[in-house]
Protein backbone atom coordinates (compact mmCIF):
# COMPACT_ATOMS: atom_id res chain seq x y z
CA MET A 1 100.93 62.24 -20.56
CA GLY A 2 100.41 58.58 -19.14
CA HIS A 3 97.02 57.60 -20.55
CA VAL A 4 95.90 55.70 -23.43
CA PHE A 5 93.79 57.42 -26.14
CA GLU A 6 91.67 56.24 -29.08
CA VAL A 7 93.38 56.85 -32.72
CA ASN A 8 92.00 55.66 -35.98
CA GLU A 9 92.45 57.18 -39.37
CA HIS A 10 90.84 60.10 -39.07
CA VAL A 11 93.54 61.27 -36.71
CA LEU A 12 97.06 61.67 -36.51
CA ILE A 13 98.82 59.50 -33.57
CA PRO A 14 100.20 61.40 -30.42
CA ARG A 15 103.84 62.01 -30.59
CA PRO A 16 106.25 63.16 -27.91
CA GLU A 17 106.61 66.54 -29.11
CA THR A 18 103.12 66.99 -28.21
CA GLU A 19 103.58 65.45 -25.11
CA TYR A 20 105.93 68.62 -24.24
CA LEU A 21 103.51 71.01 -25.59
CA VAL A 22 101.48 69.99 -22.86
CA GLU A 23 103.90 70.47 -20.30
CA ARG A 24 104.58 73.86 -21.58
CA ALA A 25 101.20 74.68 -21.51
CA LEU A 26 101.07 73.74 -17.79
CA ILE A 27 103.92 76.32 -17.03
CA HIS A 28 101.62 79.01 -18.50
CA LEU A 29 98.44 78.11 -16.67
CA LYS A 30 99.59 76.88 -12.96
CA ASP A 31 99.05 79.98 -11.25
CA LYS A 32 95.09 80.64 -12.87
CA GLU A 33 92.49 80.01 -10.92
CA ARG A 34 90.07 79.08 -13.22
CA PRO A 35 91.80 78.96 -16.75
CA VAL A 36 90.05 79.25 -20.19
CA VAL A 37 91.74 76.47 -23.14
CA PHE A 38 91.08 76.92 -26.57
CA ASP A 39 92.81 73.91 -28.18
CA ILE A 40 92.49 74.13 -32.21
CA GLY A 41 92.50 71.43 -34.30
CA THR A 42 92.26 69.07 -31.59
CA GLY A 43 92.36 65.77 -33.44
CA SER A 44 91.88 62.86 -31.18
CA GLY A 45 91.87 65.36 -28.31
CA VAL A 46 94.39 64.51 -26.67
CA ILE A 47 95.82 67.88 -25.60
CA ALA A 48 92.44 69.07 -24.60
CA CYS A 49 91.82 65.86 -22.44
CA SER A 50 95.44 65.90 -20.90
CA LEU A 51 94.78 69.51 -19.83
CA GLN A 52 91.73 69.12 -18.21
CA LYS A 53 93.27 65.89 -16.71
CA MET A 54 95.81 67.79 -14.98
CA ILE A 55 94.19 71.15 -14.27
CA PRO A 56 90.17 69.77 -13.31
CA HIS A 57 89.28 73.20 -12.57
CA SER A 58 89.88 74.65 -15.82
CA GLU A 59 87.76 74.97 -18.78
CA ILE A 60 88.56 73.56 -21.85
CA TYR A 61 87.26 74.22 -25.44
CA ALA A 62 88.76 72.16 -28.59
CA SER A 63 87.83 72.80 -31.98
CA ASP A 64 88.64 70.75 -35.17
CA ILE A 65 87.10 71.00 -38.74
CA SER A 66 87.11 67.27 -39.32
CA VAL A 67 83.53 65.49 -37.98
CA GLU A 68 85.21 62.35 -37.93
CA ALA A 69 88.24 63.79 -35.65
CA LEU A 70 85.74 65.18 -33.49
CA LYS A 71 84.02 61.91 -33.05
CA VAL A 72 87.69 60.37 -31.80
CA ALA A 73 87.95 63.12 -29.48
CA ARG A 74 84.58 62.78 -27.59
CA ILE A 75 85.46 59.12 -27.09
CA ASN A 76 88.58 60.05 -25.52
CA ASN A 77 86.86 62.37 -23.34
CA GLU A 78 84.56 59.89 -22.31
CA ARG A 79 87.45 57.73 -21.72
CA LEU A 80 89.46 59.82 -19.57
CA GLY A 81 86.38 61.06 -17.51
CA THR A 82 87.49 64.92 -18.77
CA ASN A 83 84.76 67.55 -18.90
CA VAL A 84 86.02 69.09 -22.86
CA THR A 85 83.67 71.28 -24.59
CA PHE A 86 83.97 70.15 -28.45
CA LEU A 87 82.94 72.85 -31.38
CA GLN A 88 82.95 71.84 -34.87
CA GLY A 89 84.72 74.74 -36.97
CA HIS A 90 87.83 76.18 -38.86
CA LEU A 91 90.50 77.36 -36.41
CA LEU A 92 88.89 80.17 -34.09
CA GLU A 93 85.59 80.48 -35.93
CA PRO A 94 83.95 78.80 -32.90
CA PHE A 95 84.82 81.27 -30.83
CA THR A 96 83.74 84.57 -29.62
CA THR A 97 85.22 85.23 -25.86
CA PRO A 98 88.53 85.48 -24.85
CA ALA A 99 90.97 82.40 -23.57
CA ASP A 100 93.95 82.43 -21.37
CA LEU A 101 95.65 80.06 -23.57
CA ILE A 102 95.06 79.19 -27.24
CA ILE A 103 97.15 75.58 -27.89
CA ALA A 104 97.62 74.45 -31.21
CA ASN A 105 99.32 71.53 -32.99
CA LEU A 106 98.16 72.45 -36.39
CA PRO A 107 99.17 70.59 -39.63
CA TYR A 108 102.35 72.36 -40.92
CA LEU A 109 104.42 70.66 -43.31
CA ASN A 110 105.02 71.31 -46.75
CA GLU A 111 102.58 69.57 -48.97
CA GLU A 112 105.38 69.97 -52.12
CA GLU A 113 107.58 67.65 -49.87
CA ASN A 114 108.02 63.82 -50.11
CA GLN A 115 105.52 62.55 -47.76
CA LEU A 116 107.47 60.25 -45.28
CA GLU A 117 106.78 56.40 -45.32
CA GLU A 118 105.48 56.52 -41.81
CA LEU A 119 102.82 59.60 -42.32
CA LEU A 120 101.04 57.70 -45.32
CA TRP A 121 98.78 56.13 -43.16
CA GLU A 122 97.63 59.25 -41.21
CA PRO A 123 95.08 61.94 -42.66
CA LYS A 124 97.13 64.18 -45.03
CA GLY A 125 94.88 67.41 -44.03
CA ALA A 126 95.85 66.93 -40.32
CA LEU A 127 99.62 66.81 -41.91
CA TYR A 128 100.11 69.34 -44.54
CA ALA A 129 99.48 72.76 -45.29
CA LYS A 130 99.77 75.56 -47.96
CA GLU A 131 102.54 78.12 -48.04
CA HIS A 132 105.30 75.32 -47.28
CA GLY A 133 103.20 74.68 -44.03
CA PHE A 134 102.53 77.87 -42.98
CA ALA A 135 99.73 78.49 -44.29
CA LEU A 136 97.31 77.67 -41.02
CA ILE A 137 99.88 78.89 -38.81
CA ARG A 138 99.53 82.49 -40.10
CA GLU A 139 96.15 82.54 -40.59
CA LEU A 140 96.14 81.88 -36.50
CA LEU A 141 98.22 84.16 -35.51
CA GLY A 142 96.27 86.81 -37.51
CA SER A 143 93.25 86.03 -35.70
CA ALA A 144 93.94 85.05 -32.25
CA TYR A 145 94.78 88.54 -30.83
CA PRO A 146 91.42 89.30 -30.24
CA LEU A 147 90.66 86.26 -28.26
CA LEU A 148 93.48 86.42 -26.08
CA SER A 149 93.00 87.38 -22.52
CA ALA A 150 94.97 90.55 -21.25
CA GLN A 151 97.52 88.18 -20.48
CA GLY A 152 96.75 85.76 -22.96
CA VAL A 153 99.68 83.16 -24.45
CA LEU A 154 99.36 81.23 -27.86
CA LEU A 155 101.38 78.27 -27.65
CA LEU A 156 102.27 76.15 -30.91
CA GLU A 157 103.97 73.08 -32.09
CA ILE A 158 105.91 73.95 -35.34
CA HIS A 159 108.22 73.13 -37.96
CA PRO A 160 111.69 73.67 -37.87
CA PRO A 161 111.58 75.36 -41.63
CA LEU A 162 109.08 77.84 -40.34
CA VAL A 163 111.56 79.67 -37.96
CA LYS A 164 112.44 82.27 -40.70
CA PRO A 165 108.70 82.74 -42.02
CA LEU A 166 107.82 83.12 -38.38
CA ASN A 167 110.35 85.60 -37.87
CA GLU A 168 109.54 87.65 -41.05
CA TYR A 169 105.62 87.32 -40.07
CA PHE A 170 106.95 89.05 -36.55
CA SER A 171 108.82 91.47 -37.82
CA SER A 172 106.08 92.79 -40.74
CA HIS A 173 103.04 92.41 -38.11
CA PRO A 174 103.80 93.64 -34.75
CA THR A 175 100.73 93.17 -33.19
CA TYR A 176 101.85 91.25 -30.27
CA SER A 177 104.42 92.23 -27.31
CA HIS A 178 106.47 88.91 -27.41
CA TYR A 179 107.16 85.81 -29.00
CA THR A 180 109.70 82.88 -28.59
CA ILE A 181 110.52 79.81 -30.36
CA GLU A 182 112.24 76.88 -28.43
CA ASN A 183 113.75 73.72 -29.42
CA ASP A 184 112.47 70.14 -28.89
CA PHE A 185 114.80 67.50 -26.94
CA ASN A 186 116.33 66.70 -30.39
CA GLY A 187 117.46 70.52 -30.89
CA TRP A 188 115.00 71.29 -33.54
CA ALA A 189 113.21 74.78 -33.40
CA ARG A 190 109.64 73.18 -32.45
CA TYR A 191 107.75 75.47 -29.99
CA LEU A 192 106.44 78.83 -30.84
CA THR A 193 105.10 81.13 -27.51
CA VAL A 194 103.38 84.31 -28.38
CA ASN A 195 102.61 86.85 -25.69
CA LYS A 196 99.64 89.34 -26.27
């Protein structure tokens, strides 16, 4: 993404997979005149600030349940000279009007799995979720539909073991018109795109 971001013990360190998530978002937003974007679980604000930097005419709103994470995100917003609006709250709770894109890199690791050594210094609340890592993603899928514009898209980074529960979810909840799961540069299922 070409920018230096502030991070600390309250937020995740940005990773290459998230950079590709931003690139996927740009594809969906390129033809929008003034796109509205919600970045859910923004953490350091890397996704929200990067999108606003690359699409200056966009309206970017970013939420996080962590007050400490939002402090870091606001520092990055100021440092990059971007104009992101930050809101404190759980998932989509702070929002009432629709967005063209809802993007999120939510906690998706199984809290019952052995913790990887390289993740020991990162905030557990930003990494692990209940239901074998599926709980927050399932909750977001269940609440996003009315907050997407007519041609709105939901774009999520996922963990490869979640492919099966995702397929089962969409089979039993036929709310959305279409969804695709794409691999990352290592060949792992990593990106979920959901069309309203």
